[in-house]
Structure formats: C-alpha cells, structure tokens
Amino acid sequence: MEFYDYVIFAADGFFQAVGRERGQFRIGTETIDLRIRTSRTYVLDSSRYRQLHHHGSIEEPKLLEAYQKAVIAGTIE
C-alpha cells in the first residue's frame, strides 16, 4: 500500500495523518486495485511515537462490494 495525498495535524504528544492509500489486494493470482481514505493517530510513548489508531474507508460502493465478497469467498469474481 502507498500512503499519499496526506495532511498531518500535530499537537503536544500526538499527531494524526489523514490521507489516502492505494494498492492491491491479492488472492492467488487475482487482484483488486484498492483506493482507501484513511486516518492514523500516533501518540508519544516515552521517546517514540506509537500508532494508537488506524481507520480506512473504501468510498466507492462497487469497489467495497468486490473487496468484501473476495474476503468472504476467498476468491475474486
């Protein structure tokens, strides 16, 4: 997956990155090209940032349906 077209919001001890991801979901030799709107929240823990939360949404109904069917069936129609 590639994270792109993002913005970072930062405050003391945390930051949030909001953007888009693109990549492929593969089952065997079959693939679905994914486009996902996503957000990630990181918090400062001691001396390094740790991811606290990650959310992604597939906004295109037909793409979401194809992905859900492939995950459930274990194959891409």
PDB file of N, CA and C in Angstrom:
ATOM      1  N   MET A   1       0.841  -1.177   0.000  1.00  0.00           N
ATOM      2  CA  MET A   1       0.000   0.000   0.000  1.00  0.00           C
ATOM      3  C   MET A   1       0.887   1.242   0.000  1.00  0.00           C
ATOM      4  N   GLU A   2       0.406   2.259  -0.673  1.00  0.00           N
ATOM      5  CA  GLU A   2       1.084   3.556  -0.690  1.00  0.00           C
ATOM      6  C   GLU A   2       0.191   4.585  -0.002  1.00  0.00           C
ATOM      7  N   PHE A   3       0.739   5.310   0.944  1.00  0.00           N
ATOM      8  CA  PHE A   3       0.036   6.387   1.647  1.00  0.00           C
ATOM      9  C   PHE A   3       0.422   7.686   0.956  1.00  0.00           C
ATOM     10  N   TYR A   4      -0.574   8.452   0.464  1.00  0.00           N
ATOM     11  CA  TYR A   4      -0.278   9.654  -0.299  1.00  0.00           C
ATOM     12  C   TYR A   4      -1.360  10.714  -0.067  1.00  0.00           C
ATOM     13  N   ASP A   5      -1.155  11.882  -0.646  1.00  0.00           N
ATOM     14  CA  ASP A   5      -2.125  12.981  -0.573  1.00  0.00           C
ATOM     15  C   ASP A   5      -2.608  13.167   0.872  1.00  0.00           C
ATOM     16  N   TYR A   6      -1.666  13.357   1.770  1.00  0.00           N
ATOM     17  CA  TYR A   6      -1.997  13.395   3.197  1.00  0.00           C
ATOM     18  C   TYR A   6      -1.682  14.745   3.824  1.00  0.00           C
ATOM     19  N   VAL A   7      -2.280  14.971   4.977  1.00  0.00           N
ATOM     20  CA  VAL A   7      -2.013  16.139   5.815  1.00  0.00           C
ATOM     21  C   VAL A   7      -1.703  15.610   7.205  1.00  0.00           C
ATOM     22  N   ILE A   8      -0.860  16.318   7.933  1.00  0.00           N
ATOM     23  CA  ILE A   8      -0.526  15.921   9.296  1.00  0.00           C
ATOM     24  C   ILE A   8      -0.973  17.026  10.248  1.00  0.00           C
ATOM     25  N   PHE A   9      -1.729  16.629  11.255  1.00  0.00           N
ATOM     26  CA  PHE A   9      -2.162  17.524  12.324  1.00  0.00           C
ATOM     27  C   PHE A   9      -1.382  17.123  13.574  1.00  0.00           C
ATOM     28  N   ALA A  10      -0.718  18.077  14.208  1.00  0.00           N
ATOM     29  CA  ALA A  10       0.120  17.739  15.357  1.00  0.00           C
ATOM     30  C   ALA A  10      -0.200  18.628  16.553  1.00  0.00           C
ATOM     31  N   ALA A  11      -0.018  18.059  17.725  1.00  0.00           N
ATOM     32  CA  ALA A  11      -0.148  18.775  18.993  1.00  0.00           C
ATOM     33  C   ALA A  11       0.848  18.136  19.948  1.00  0.00           C
ATOM     34  N   ASP A  12       0.880  18.605  21.159  1.00  0.00           N
ATOM     35  CA  ASP A  12       1.827  18.103  22.140  1.00  0.00           C
ATOM     36  C   ASP A  12       1.561  16.624  22.449  1.00  0.00           C
ATOM     37  N   GLY A  13       2.474  15.758  22.087  1.00  0.00           N
ATOM     38  CA  GLY A  13       2.382  14.349  22.448  1.00  0.00           C
ATOM     39  C   GLY A  13       1.607  13.473  21.490  1.00  0.00           C
ATOM     40  N   PHE A  14       1.067  14.021  20.398  1.00  0.00           N
ATOM     41  CA  PHE A  14       0.399  13.164  19.426  1.00  0.00           C
ATOM     42  C   PHE A  14       0.360  13.847  18.067  1.00  0.00           C
ATOM     43  N   PHE A  15       0.113  13.040  17.034  1.00  0.00           N
ATOM     44  CA  PHE A  15      -0.169  13.616  15.717  1.00  0.00           C
ATOM     45  C   PHE A  15      -1.095  12.675  14.967  1.00  0.00           C
ATOM     46  N   GLN A  16      -1.776  13.233  13.980  1.00  0.00           N
ATOM     47  CA  GLN A  16      -2.691  12.453  13.157  1.00  0.00           C
ATOM     48  C   GLN A  16      -2.362  12.719  11.695  1.00  0.00           C
ATOM     49  N   ALA A  17      -2.282  11.651  10.912  1.00  0.00           N
ATOM     50  CA  ALA A  17      -2.055  11.743   9.473  1.00  0.00           C
ATOM     51  C   ALA A  17      -3.339  11.305   8.779  1.00  0.00           C
ATOM     52  N   VAL A  18      -3.871  12.158   7.915  1.00  0.00           N
ATOM     53  CA  VAL A  18      -5.120  11.891   7.207  1.00  0.00           C
ATOM     54  C   VAL A  18      -4.831  11.970   5.717  1.00  0.00           C
ATOM     55  N   GLY A  19      -5.200  10.936   4.978  1.00  0.00           N
ATOM     56  CA  GLY A  19      -4.924  10.940   3.549  1.00  0.00           C
ATOM     57  C   GLY A  19      -5.564   9.772   2.840  1.00  0.00           C
ATOM     58  N   ARG A  20      -4.856   9.276   1.839  1.00  0.00           N
ATOM     59  CA  ARG A  20      -5.371   8.182   1.005  1.00  0.00           C
ATOM     60  C   ARG A  20      -4.313   7.092   0.874  1.00  0.00           C
ATOM     61  N   GLU A  21      -4.804   5.867   0.663  1.00  0.00           N
ATOM     62  CA  GLU A  21      -3.923   4.731   0.396  1.00  0.00           C
ATOM     63  C   GLU A  21      -4.357   4.103  -0.921  1.00  0.00           C
ATOM     64  N   ARG A  22      -3.382   3.595  -1.649  1.00  0.00           N
ATOM     65  CA  ARG A  22      -3.699   2.817  -2.840  1.00  0.00           C
ATOM     66  C   ARG A  22      -2.771   1.619  -2.876  1.00  0.00           C
ATOM     67  N   GLY A  23      -3.283   0.559  -3.428  1.00  0.00           N
ATOM     68  CA  GLY A  23      -2.501  -0.666  -3.505  1.00  0.00           C
ATOM     69  C   GLY A  23      -3.352  -1.769  -4.076  1.00  0.00           C
ATOM     70  N   GLN A  24      -2.935  -2.987  -3.851  1.00  0.00           N
ATOM     71  CA  GLN A  24      -3.663  -4.126  -4.398  1.00  0.00           C
ATOM     72  C   GLN A  24      -3.936  -5.157  -3.318  1.00  0.00           C
ATOM     73  N   PHE A  25      -5.101  -5.785  -3.439  1.00  0.00           N
ATOM     74  CA  PHE A  25      -5.490  -6.922  -2.601  1.00  0.00           C
ATOM     75  C   PHE A  25      -5.367  -8.143  -3.493  1.00  0.00           C
ATOM     76  N   ARG A  26      -4.593  -9.137  -3.065  1.00  0.00           N
ATOM     77  CA  ARG A  26      -4.356 -10.319  -3.898  1.00  0.00           C
ATOM     78  C   ARG A  26      -4.874 -11.578  -3.224  1.00  0.00           C
ATOM     79  N   ILE A  27      -5.503 -12.395  -4.036  1.00  0.00           N
ATOM     80  CA  ILE A  27      -5.856 -13.760  -3.636  1.00  0.00           C
ATOM     81  C   ILE A  27      -5.374 -14.646  -4.776  1.00  0.00           C
ATOM     82  N   GLY A  28      -4.390 -15.483  -4.485  1.00  0.00           N
ATOM     83  CA  GLY A  28      -3.801 -16.310  -5.542  1.00  0.00           C
ATOM     84  C   GLY A  28      -3.192 -15.415  -6.603  1.00  0.00           C
ATOM     85  N   THR A  29      -3.641 -15.582  -7.846  1.00  0.00           N
ATOM     86  CA  THR A  29      -3.126 -14.763  -8.949  1.00  0.00           C
ATOM     87  C   THR A  29      -4.074 -13.615  -9.299  1.00  0.00           C
ATOM     88  N   GLU A  30      -5.176 -13.487  -8.570  1.00  0.00           N
ATOM     89  CA  GLU A  30      -6.164 -12.443  -8.852  1.00  0.00           C
ATOM     90  C   GLU A  30      -5.934 -11.227  -7.953  1.00  0.00           C
ATOM     91  N   THR A  31      -6.240 -10.018  -8.467  1.00  0.00           N
ATOM     92  CA  THR A  31      -6.040  -8.799  -7.690  1.00  0.00           C
ATOM     93  C   THR A  31      -7.211  -7.832  -7.828  1.00  0.00           C
ATOM     94  N   ILE A  32      -7.381  -7.003  -6.810  1.00  0.00           N
ATOM     95  CA  ILE A  32      -8.315  -5.876  -6.829  1.00  0.00           C
ATOM     96  C   ILE A  32      -7.482  -4.640  -6.511  1.00  0.00           C
ATOM     97  N   ASP A  33      -7.579  -3.621  -7.356  1.00  0.00           N
ATOM     98  CA  ASP A  33      -6.901  -2.351  -7.091  1.00  0.00           C
ATOM     99  C   ASP A  33      -7.711  -1.579  -6.063  1.00  0.00           C
ATOM    100  N   LEU A  34      -7.109  -1.283  -4.919  1.00  0.00           N
ATOM    101  CA  LEU A  34      -7.814  -0.609  -3.829  1.00  0.00           C
ATOM    102  C   LEU A  34      -7.491   0.880  -3.783  1.00  0.00           C
ATOM    103  N   ARG A  35      -8.490   1.662  -3.404  1.00  0.00           N
ATOM    104  CA  ARG A  35      -8.364   3.095  -3.150  1.00  0.00           C
ATOM    105  C   ARG A  35      -9.104   3.356  -1.843  1.00  0.00           C
ATOM    106  N   ILE A  36      -8.370   3.789  -0.811  1.00  0.00           N
ATOM    107  CA  ILE A  36      -8.923   3.880   0.534  1.00  0.00           C
ATOM    108  C   ILE A  36      -8.634   5.255   1.137  1.00  0.00           C
ATOM    109  N   ARG A  37      -9.656   5.862   1.751  1.00  0.00           N
ATOM    110  CA  ARG A  37      -9.476   7.087   2.550  1.00  0.00           C
ATOM    111  C   ARG A  37      -9.083   6.618   3.943  1.00  0.00           C
ATOM    112  N   THR A  38      -8.057   7.222   4.530  1.00  0.00           N
ATOM    113  CA  THR A  38      -7.534   6.672   5.776  1.00  0.00           C
ATOM    114  C   THR A  38      -7.071   7.751   6.755  1.00  0.00           C
ATOM    115  N   SER A  39      -7.082   7.387   8.031  1.00  0.00           N
ATOM    116  CA  SER A  39      -6.514   8.254   9.069  1.00  0.00           C
ATOM    117  C   SER A  39      -5.756   7.379  10.062  1.00  0.00           C
ATOM    118  N   ARG A  40      -4.674   7.932  10.577  1.00  0.00           N
ATOM    119  CA  ARG A  40      -3.842   7.230  11.553  1.00  0.00           C
ATOM    120  C   ARG A  40      -3.512   8.198  12.679  1.00  0.00           C
ATOM    121  N   THR A  41      -3.612   7.721  13.906  1.00  0.00           N
ATOM    122  CA  THR A  41      -3.303   8.547  15.073  1.00  0.00           C
ATOM    123  C   THR A  41      -2.125   7.925  15.807  1.00  0.00           C
ATOM    124  N   TYR A  42      -1.153   8.762  16.150  1.00  0.00           N
ATOM    125  CA  TYR A  42       0.055   8.328  16.855  1.00  0.00           C
ATOM    126  C   TYR A  42       0.189   9.112  18.152  1.00  0.00           C
ATOM    127  N   VAL A  43       0.680   8.441  19.196  1.00  0.00           N
ATOM    128  CA  VAL A  43       0.921   9.104  20.483  1.00  0.00           C
ATOM    129  C   VAL A  43       2.377   8.889  20.893  1.00  0.00           C
ATOM    130  N   LEU A  44       2.887   9.869  21.591  1.00  0.00           N
ATOM    131  CA  LEU A  44       4.261   9.784  22.084  1.00  0.00           C
ATOM    132  C   LEU A  44       4.274   8.910  23.329  1.00  0.00           C
ATOM    133  N   ASP A  45       5.063   7.834  23.276  1.00  0.00           N
ATOM    134  CA  ASP A  45       5.182   6.897  24.391  1.00  0.00           C
ATOM    135  C   ASP A  45       6.659   6.822  24.752  1.00  0.00           C
ATOM    136  N   SER A  46       7.015   7.403  25.876  1.00  0.00           N
ATOM    137  CA  SER A  46       8.427   7.548  26.264  1.00  0.00           C
ATOM    138  C   SER A  46       9.129   8.397  25.225  1.00  0.00           C
ATOM    139  N   SER A  47      10.004   7.807  24.428  1.00  0.00           N
ATOM    140  CA  SER A  47      10.780   8.612  23.482  1.00  0.00           C
ATOM    141  C   SER A  47      10.419   8.348  22.023  1.00  0.00           C
ATOM    142  N   ARG A  48       9.344   7.579  21.757  1.00  0.00           N
ATOM    143  CA  ARG A  48       8.990   7.324  20.359  1.00  0.00           C
ATOM    144  C   ARG A  48       7.477   7.324  20.166  1.00  0.00           C
ATOM    145  N   TYR A  49       7.080   7.543  18.934  1.00  0.00           N
ATOM    146  CA  TYR A  49       5.652   7.547  18.612  1.00  0.00           C
ATOM    147  C   TYR A  49       5.175   6.144  18.314  1.00  0.00           C
ATOM    148  N   ARG A  50       3.983   5.833  18.811  1.00  0.00           N
ATOM    149  CA  ARG A  50       3.344   4.539  18.554  1.00  0.00           C
ATOM    150  C   ARG A  50       1.966   4.793  17.949  1.00  0.00           C
ATOM    151  N   GLN A  51       1.617   3.941  16.983  1.00  0.00           N
ATOM    152  CA  GLN A  51       0.311   4.091  16.354  1.00  0.00           C
ATOM    153  C   GLN A  51      -0.766   3.646  17.337  1.00  0.00           C
ATOM    154  N   LEU A  52      -1.715   4.518  17.593  1.00  0.00           N
ATOM    155  CA  LEU A  52      -2.816   4.243  18.505  1.00  0.00           C
ATOM    156  C   LEU A  52      -4.050   3.765  17.754  1.00  0.00           C
ATOM    157  N   HIS A  53      -4.266   4.318  16.555  1.00  0.00           N
ATOM    158  CA  HIS A  53      -5.495   4.006  15.819  1.00  0.00           C
ATOM    159  C   HIS A  53      -5.254   4.151  14.320  1.00  0.00           C
ATOM    160  N   HIS A  54      -5.896   3.282  13.537  1.00  0.00           N
ATOM    161  CA  HIS A  54      -5.863   3.368  12.069  1.00  0.00           C
ATOM    162  C   HIS A  54      -7.254   3.057  11.564  1.00  0.00           C
ATOM    163  N   HIS A  55      -7.789   3.952  10.741  1.00  0.00           N
ATOM    164  CA  HIS A  55      -9.114   3.732  10.158  1.00  0.00           C
ATOM    165  C   HIS A  55      -9.025   3.930   8.661  1.00  0.00           C
ATOM    166  N   GLY A  56      -9.691   3.074   7.919  1.00  0.00           N
ATOM    167  CA  GLY A  56      -9.747   3.212   6.466  1.00  0.00           C
ATOM    168  C   GLY A  56     -11.153   2.970   5.959  1.00  0.00           C
ATOM    169  N   SER A  57     -11.532   3.712   4.924  1.00  0.00           N
ATOM    170  CA  SER A  57     -12.858   3.566   4.313  1.00  0.00           C
ATOM    171  C   SER A  57     -12.719   3.484   2.799  1.00  0.00           C
ATOM    172  N   ILE A  58     -13.377   2.491   2.224  1.00  0.00           N
ATOM    173  CA  ILE A  58     -13.478   2.397   0.771  1.00  0.00           C
ATOM    174  C   ILE A  58     -14.755   3.129   0.395  1.00  0.00           C
ATOM    175  N   GLU A  59     -14.613   4.259  -0.316  1.00  0.00           N
ATOM    176  CA  GLU A  59     -15.743   5.134  -0.593  1.00  0.00           C
ATOM    177  C   GLU A  59     -16.575   4.708  -1.800  1.00  0.00           C
ATOM    178  N   GLU A  60     -15.998   3.925  -2.703  1.00  0.00           N
ATOM    179  CA  GLU A  60     -16.709   3.520  -3.916  1.00  0.00           C
ATOM    180  C   GLU A  60     -17.511   2.248  -3.641  1.00  0.00           C
ATOM    181  N   PRO A  61     -18.846   2.316  -3.710  1.00  0.00           N
ATOM    182  CA  PRO A  61     -19.682   1.164  -3.358  1.00  0.00           C
ATOM    183  C   PRO A  61     -19.344  -0.127  -4.110  1.00  0.00           C
ATOM    184  N   LYS A  62     -19.103  -0.063  -5.407  1.00  0.00           N
ATOM    185  CA  LYS A  62     -18.808  -1.283  -6.175  1.00  0.00           C
ATOM    186  C   LYS A  62     -17.457  -1.877  -5.779  1.00  0.00           C
ATOM    187  N   LEU A  63     -16.477  -1.023  -5.514  1.00  0.00           N
ATOM    188  CA  LEU A  63     -15.166  -1.499  -5.072  1.00  0.00           C
ATOM    189  C   LEU A  63     -15.265  -2.134  -3.687  1.00  0.00           C
ATOM    190  N   LEU A  64     -16.009  -1.503  -2.789  1.00  0.00           N
ATOM    191  CA  LEU A  64     -16.209  -2.059  -1.448  1.00  0.00           C
ATOM    192  C   LEU A  64     -16.891  -3.417  -1.529  1.00  0.00           C
ATOM    193  N   GLU A  65     -17.918  -3.524  -2.352  1.00  0.00           N
ATOM    194  CA  GLU A  65     -18.638  -4.797  -2.502  1.00  0.00           C
ATOM    195  C   GLU A  65     -17.713  -5.887  -3.049  1.00  0.00           C
ATOM    196  N   ALA A  66     -16.919  -5.570  -4.065  1.00  0.00           N
ATOM    197  CA  ALA A  66     -15.992  -6.552  -4.640  1.00  0.00           C
ATOM    198  C   ALA A  66     -14.965  -7.008  -3.601  1.00  0.00           C
ATOM    199  N   TYR A  67     -14.442  -6.074  -2.817  1.00  0.00           N
ATOM    200  CA  TYR A  67     -13.466  -6.408  -1.773  1.00  0.00           C
ATOM    201  C   TYR A  67     -14.103  -7.300  -0.704  1.00  0.00           C
ATOM    202  N   GLN A  68     -15.296  -6.932  -0.238  1.00  0.00           N
ATOM    203  CA  GLN A  68     -15.970  -7.728   0.799  1.00  0.00           C
ATOM    204  C   GLN A  68     -16.265  -9.136   0.308  1.00  0.00           C
ATOM    205  N   LYS A  69     -16.750  -9.255  -0.913  1.00  0.00           N
ATOM    206  CA  LYS A  69     -17.043 -10.585  -1.474  1.00  0.00           C
ATOM    207  C   LYS A  69     -15.777 -11.430  -1.587  1.00  0.00           C
ATOM    208  N   ALA A  70     -14.675 -10.804  -2.011  1.00  0.00           N
ATOM    209  CA  ALA A  70     -13.419 -11.538  -2.161  1.00  0.00           C
ATOM    210  C   ALA A  70     -12.897 -12.020  -0.812  1.00  0.00           C
ATOM    211  N   VAL A  71     -13.011 -11.188   0.213  1.00  0.00           N
ATOM    212  CA  VAL A  71     -12.541 -11.582   1.545  1.00  0.00           C
ATOM    213  C   VAL A  71     -13.373 -12.741   2.081  1.00  0.00           C
ATOM    214  N   ILE A  72     -14.671 -12.672   1.910  1.00  0.00           N
ATOM    215  CA  ILE A  72     -15.560 -13.723   2.430  1.00  0.00           C
ATOM    216  C   ILE A  72     -15.398 -15.017   1.634  1.00  0.00           C
ATOM    217  N   ALA A  73     -15.370 -14.909   0.304  1.00  0.00           N
ATOM    218  CA  ALA A  73     -15.335 -16.112  -0.544  1.00  0.00           C
ATOM    219  C   ALA A  73     -13.932 -16.678  -0.723  1.00  0.00           C
ATOM    220  N   GLY A  74     -12.914 -15.845  -0.489  1.00  0.00           N
ATOM    221  CA  GLY A  74     -11.547 -16.315  -0.709  1.00  0.00           C
ATOM    222  C   GLY A  74     -11.154 -16.318  -2.169  1.00  0.00           C
ATOM    223  N   THR A  75     -11.943 -15.658  -3.007  1.00  0.00           N
ATOM    224  CA  THR A  75     -11.648 -15.552  -4.429  1.00  0.00           C
ATOM    225  C   THR A  75     -12.258 -14.277  -4.983  1.00  0.00           C
ATOM    226  N   ILE A  76     -11.759 -13.815  -6.100  1.00  0.00           N
ATOM    227  CA  ILE A  76     -12.278 -12.617  -6.752  1.00  0.00           C
ATOM    228  C   ILE A  76     -13.152 -13.038  -7.921  1.00  0.00           C
ATOM    229  N   GLU A  77     -14.362 -12.504  -7.975  1.00  0.00           N
ATOM    230  CA  GLU A  77     -15.277 -12.882  -9.059  1.00  0.00           C
ATOM    231  C   GLU A  77     -14.923 -12.172 -10.340  1.00  0.00           C
TER     232      GLU A  77
END
